[in-house]
């Protein structure tokens, strides 16, 4: 894409046929960057890749004290916040969760395709990224 900076080497896909291309893709929650924000004491940026299996869903949860932004890289994502009607997001769509919001629905709706989301948080350094609801 013109005008966009290149990704760091560890984020780029390996060339076809390379030994790295034969390595199975990591799944789950893959931390990409944690960066303290010197001009915002107690805050840091956390960037994570979520890689979810087909049909995978998370229990209801929240991100304590964090502004959470997401970008759907591939797949179809069902998102619900604070019990509101869910939204269906596809590759290229973005979302925002304010601090304290309950992420009531988080699901890969595909029966056969993976879901990948890049999550960007402006996080409270003293809190974990995610806390499941009880």
C-alpha atoms as a PDB file:
ATOM      1  CA  UNK A   1       0.000   0.000   0.000  1.00  0.00           C
ATOM      2  CA  UNK A   2       1.414   3.309  -1.024  1.00  0.00           C
ATOM      3  CA  UNK A   3       2.185   5.747   1.742  1.00  0.00           C
ATOM      4  CA  UNK A   4       2.216   3.212   4.567  1.00  0.00           C
ATOM      5  CA  UNK A   5       5.441   2.443   6.422  1.00  0.00           C
ATOM      6  CA  UNK A   6       6.768  -1.080   6.078  1.00  0.00           C
ATOM      7  CA  UNK A   7       6.186  -3.488   8.925  1.00  0.00           C
ATOM      8  CA  UNK A   8       9.069  -4.551  11.137  1.00  0.00           C
ATOM      9  CA  UNK A   9      10.666  -7.740   9.839  1.00  0.00           C
ATOM     10  CA  UNK A  10       9.039  -9.914  12.506  1.00  0.00           C
ATOM     11  CA  UNK A  11       5.574  -8.786  11.319  1.00  0.00           C
ATOM     12  CA  UNK A  12       6.109  -9.455   7.625  1.00  0.00           C
ATOM     13  CA  UNK A  13       5.130 -12.703   5.969  1.00  0.00           C
ATOM     14  CA  UNK A  14       8.090 -14.830   4.890  1.00  0.00           C
ATOM     15  CA  UNK A  15       8.641 -15.300   1.158  1.00  0.00           C
ATOM     16  CA  UNK A  16       6.950 -18.395  -0.341  1.00  0.00           C
ATOM     17  CA  UNK A  17       9.232 -21.415  -0.299  1.00  0.00           C
ATOM     18  CA  UNK A  18      11.435 -20.154   2.540  1.00  0.00           C
ATOM     19  CA  UNK A  19      11.915 -22.340   5.601  1.00  0.00           C
ATOM     20  CA  UNK A  20      10.020 -19.723   7.611  1.00  0.00           C
ATOM     21  CA  UNK A  21       7.004 -20.164   5.339  1.00  0.00           C
ATOM     22  CA  UNK A  22       6.854 -23.840   6.423  1.00  0.00           C
ATOM     23  CA  UNK A  23       6.538 -22.929  10.110  1.00  0.00           C
ATOM     24  CA  UNK A  24       2.969 -23.215  11.418  1.00  0.00           C
ATOM     25  CA  UNK A  25       1.413 -19.869  12.263  1.00  0.00           C
ATOM     26  CA  UNK A  26       1.296 -18.939  15.914  1.00  0.00           C
ATOM     27  CA  UNK A  27      -2.193 -18.766  17.369  1.00  0.00           C
ATOM     28  CA  UNK A  28      -3.726 -17.040  20.346  1.00  0.00           C
ATOM     29  CA  UNK A  29      -2.646 -13.667  21.646  1.00  0.00           C
ATOM     30  CA  UNK A  30       0.693 -12.573  20.232  1.00  0.00           C
ATOM     31  CA  UNK A  31       2.281  -9.469  21.818  1.00  0.00           C
ATOM     32  CA  UNK A  32       3.880  -7.227  19.191  1.00  0.00           C
ATOM     33  CA  UNK A  33       4.851  -4.127  21.211  1.00  0.00           C
ATOM     34  CA  UNK A  34       4.629  -2.664  24.706  1.00  0.00           C
ATOM     35  CA  UNK A  35       5.809   0.948  24.894  1.00  0.00           C
ATOM     36  CA  UNK A  36       5.634   3.160  28.020  1.00  0.00           C
ATOM     37  CA  UNK A  37       4.439   6.690  27.247  1.00  0.00           C
ATOM     38  CA  UNK A  38       6.846   9.057  29.000  1.00  0.00           C
ATOM     39  CA  UNK A  39       4.555  12.065  28.549  1.00  0.00           C
ATOM     40  CA  UNK A  40       1.564  10.160  30.042  1.00  0.00           C
ATOM     41  CA  UNK A  41       2.816   8.776  33.371  1.00  0.00           C
ATOM     42  CA  UNK A  42       1.296   5.383  34.193  1.00  0.00           C
ATOM     43  CA  UNK A  43       0.212   4.754  30.577  1.00  0.00           C
ATOM     44  CA  UNK A  44       1.643   2.543  27.849  1.00  0.00           C
ATOM     45  CA  UNK A  45       0.742   1.382  24.364  1.00  0.00           C
ATOM     46  CA  UNK A  46       0.167  -2.343  23.896  1.00  0.00           C
ATOM     47  CA  UNK A  47      -0.130  -3.745  20.378  1.00  0.00           C
ATOM     48  CA  UNK A  48      -1.224  -7.359  20.038  1.00  0.00           C
ATOM     49  CA  UNK A  49      -2.194  -9.735  17.257  1.00  0.00           C
ATOM     50  CA  UNK A  50      -5.216 -11.900  18.051  1.00  0.00           C
ATOM     51  CA  UNK A  51      -5.219 -15.053  15.934  1.00  0.00           C
ATOM     52  CA  UNK A  52      -8.388 -17.089  16.472  1.00  0.00           C
ATOM     53  CA  UNK A  53      -9.449 -20.503  15.234  1.00  0.00           C
ATOM     54  CA  UNK A  54     -12.710 -20.901  13.293  1.00  0.00           C
ATOM     55  CA  UNK A  55     -15.712 -20.679  15.636  1.00  0.00           C
ATOM     56  CA  UNK A  56     -13.571 -19.469  18.563  1.00  0.00           C
ATOM     57  CA  UNK A  57     -15.291 -17.202  21.105  1.00  0.00           C
ATOM     58  CA  UNK A  58     -14.060 -15.390  24.215  1.00  0.00           C
ATOM     59  CA  UNK A  59     -16.013 -15.182  27.464  1.00  0.00           C
ATOM     60  CA  UNK A  60     -17.404 -11.758  28.405  1.00  0.00           C
ATOM     61  CA  UNK A  61     -14.523  -9.560  29.575  1.00  0.00           C
ATOM     62  CA  UNK A  62     -13.291  -5.990  29.964  1.00  0.00           C
ATOM     63  CA  UNK A  63     -10.024  -4.135  29.528  1.00  0.00           C
ATOM     64  CA  UNK A  64      -9.601  -2.266  32.850  1.00  0.00           C
ATOM     65  CA  UNK A  65      -8.660   1.369  32.354  1.00  0.00           C
ATOM     66  CA  UNK A  66      -7.678   0.878  28.716  1.00  0.00           C
ATOM     67  CA  UNK A  67      -8.761   2.600  25.511  1.00  0.00           C
ATOM     68  CA  UNK A  68      -8.932  -0.357  23.109  1.00  0.00           C
ATOM     69  CA  UNK A  69      -8.881  -0.101  19.311  1.00  0.00           C
ATOM     70  CA  UNK A  70      -9.056  -3.006  16.881  1.00  0.00           C
ATOM     71  CA  UNK A  71      -8.392  -3.544  13.196  1.00  0.00           C
ATOM     72  CA  UNK A  72      -9.703  -6.728  11.541  1.00  0.00           C
ATOM     73  CA  UNK A  73      -6.899  -8.037   9.322  1.00  0.00           C
ATOM     74  CA  UNK A  74      -8.690 -11.126   8.049  1.00  0.00           C
ATOM     75  CA  UNK A  75     -11.859 -13.062   8.761  1.00  0.00           C
ATOM     76  CA  UNK A  76     -15.276 -12.157  10.107  1.00  0.00           C
ATOM     77  CA  UNK A  77     -15.701 -10.918  13.663  1.00  0.00           C
ATOM     78  CA  UNK A  78     -18.847 -10.651  15.773  1.00  0.00           C
ATOM     79  CA  UNK A  79     -18.423  -7.845  18.315  1.00  0.00           C
ATOM     80  CA  UNK A  80     -20.749  -6.846  21.144  1.00  0.00           C
ATOM     81  CA  UNK A  81     -20.080  -4.162  23.764  1.00  0.00           C
ATOM     82  CA  UNK A  82     -22.075  -3.584  26.968  1.00  0.00           C
ATOM     83  CA  UNK A  83     -24.862  -5.943  25.890  1.00  0.00           C
ATOM     84  CA  UNK A  84     -25.750  -3.797  22.875  1.00  0.00           C
ATOM     85  CA  UNK A  85     -26.694  -5.483  19.570  1.00  0.00           C
ATOM     86  CA  UNK A  86     -23.684  -7.171  18.019  1.00  0.00           C
ATOM     87  CA  UNK A  87     -21.890  -5.896  14.930  1.00  0.00           C
ATOM     88  CA  UNK A  88     -20.390  -8.058  12.198  1.00  0.00           C
ATOM     89  CA  UNK A  89     -16.966  -6.806  11.153  1.00  0.00           C
ATOM     90  CA  UNK A  90     -14.876  -7.960   8.201  1.00  0.00           C
ATOM     91  CA  UNK A  91     -11.313  -7.410   7.044  1.00  0.00           C
ATOM     92  CA  UNK A  92     -10.546  -3.678   6.958  1.00  0.00           C
ATOM     93  CA  UNK A  93     -13.100  -2.740   9.640  1.00  0.00           C
ATOM     94  CA  UNK A  94     -12.108  -1.034  12.901  1.00  0.00           C
ATOM     95  CA  UNK A  95     -13.664  -0.750  16.357  1.00  0.00           C
ATOM     96  CA  UNK A  96     -13.210   1.054  19.680  1.00  0.00           C
ATOM     97  CA  UNK A  97     -13.959  -0.019  23.253  1.00  0.00           C
ATOM     98  CA  UNK A  98     -13.900   2.689  25.934  1.00  0.00           C
ATOM     99  CA  UNK A  99     -12.297   1.990  29.334  1.00  0.00           C
ATOM    100  CA  UNK A 100     -14.485  -0.213  31.517  1.00  0.00           C
ATOM    101  CA  UNK A 101     -16.782  -1.352  28.694  1.00  0.00           C
ATOM    102  CA  UNK A 102     -17.801  -5.010  28.892  1.00  0.00           C
ATOM    103  CA  UNK A 103     -16.862  -6.877  25.734  1.00  0.00           C
ATOM    104  CA  UNK A 104     -19.999  -9.042  25.858  1.00  0.00           C
ATOM    105  CA  UNK A 105     -19.510 -10.818  22.497  1.00  0.00           C
ATOM    106  CA  UNK A 106     -16.196 -11.619  20.817  1.00  0.00           C
ATOM    107  CA  UNK A 107     -16.441 -14.387  18.237  1.00  0.00           C
ATOM    108  CA  UNK A 108     -14.968 -15.681  15.003  1.00  0.00           C
ATOM    109  CA  UNK A 109     -18.168 -16.487  13.112  1.00  0.00           C
ATOM    110  CA  UNK A 110     -16.518 -18.568  10.384  1.00  0.00           C
ATOM    111  CA  UNK A 111     -16.715 -22.360  10.598  1.00  0.00           C
ATOM    112  CA  UNK A 112     -13.564 -22.759   8.486  1.00  0.00           C
ATOM    113  CA  UNK A 113     -11.497 -19.534   8.360  1.00  0.00           C
ATOM    114  CA  UNK A 114      -9.152 -17.952  10.898  1.00  0.00           C
ATOM    115  CA  UNK A 115      -9.720 -14.495  12.375  1.00  0.00           C
ATOM    116  CA  UNK A 116      -6.836 -12.052  12.820  1.00  0.00           C
ATOM    117  CA  UNK A 117      -7.203  -8.734  14.605  1.00  0.00           C
ATOM    118  CA  UNK A 118      -4.542  -6.180  15.505  1.00  0.00           C
ATOM    119  CA  UNK A 119      -5.418  -4.646  18.894  1.00  0.00           C
ATOM    120  CA  UNK A 120      -3.962  -1.297  19.964  1.00  0.00           C
ATOM    121  CA  UNK A 121      -4.437  -0.275  23.600  1.00  0.00           C
ATOM    122  CA  UNK A 122      -3.608   2.899  25.447  1.00  0.00           C
ATOM    123  CA  UNK A 123      -3.297   0.994  28.685  1.00  0.00           C
ATOM    124  CA  UNK A 124      -3.041   1.636  32.397  1.00  0.00           C
ATOM    125  CA  UNK A 125       0.370   0.103  33.223  1.00  0.00           C
ATOM    126  CA  UNK A 126      -0.882  -1.215  36.563  1.00  0.00           C
ATOM    127  CA  UNK A 127      -3.689  -3.340  35.047  1.00  0.00           C
ATOM    128  CA  UNK A 128      -3.715  -6.543  32.985  1.00  0.00           C
ATOM    129  CA  UNK A 129      -4.904  -6.287  29.401  1.00  0.00           C
ATOM    130  CA  UNK A 130      -8.022  -8.411  29.931  1.00  0.00           C
ATOM    131  CA  UNK A 131     -10.162  -9.456  32.903  1.00  0.00           C
ATOM    132  CA  UNK A 132     -12.967 -11.989  32.427  1.00  0.00           C
ATOM    133  CA  UNK A 133     -16.396 -11.113  33.830  1.00  0.00           C
ATOM    134  CA  UNK A 134     -17.720 -13.234  36.676  1.00  0.00           C
END
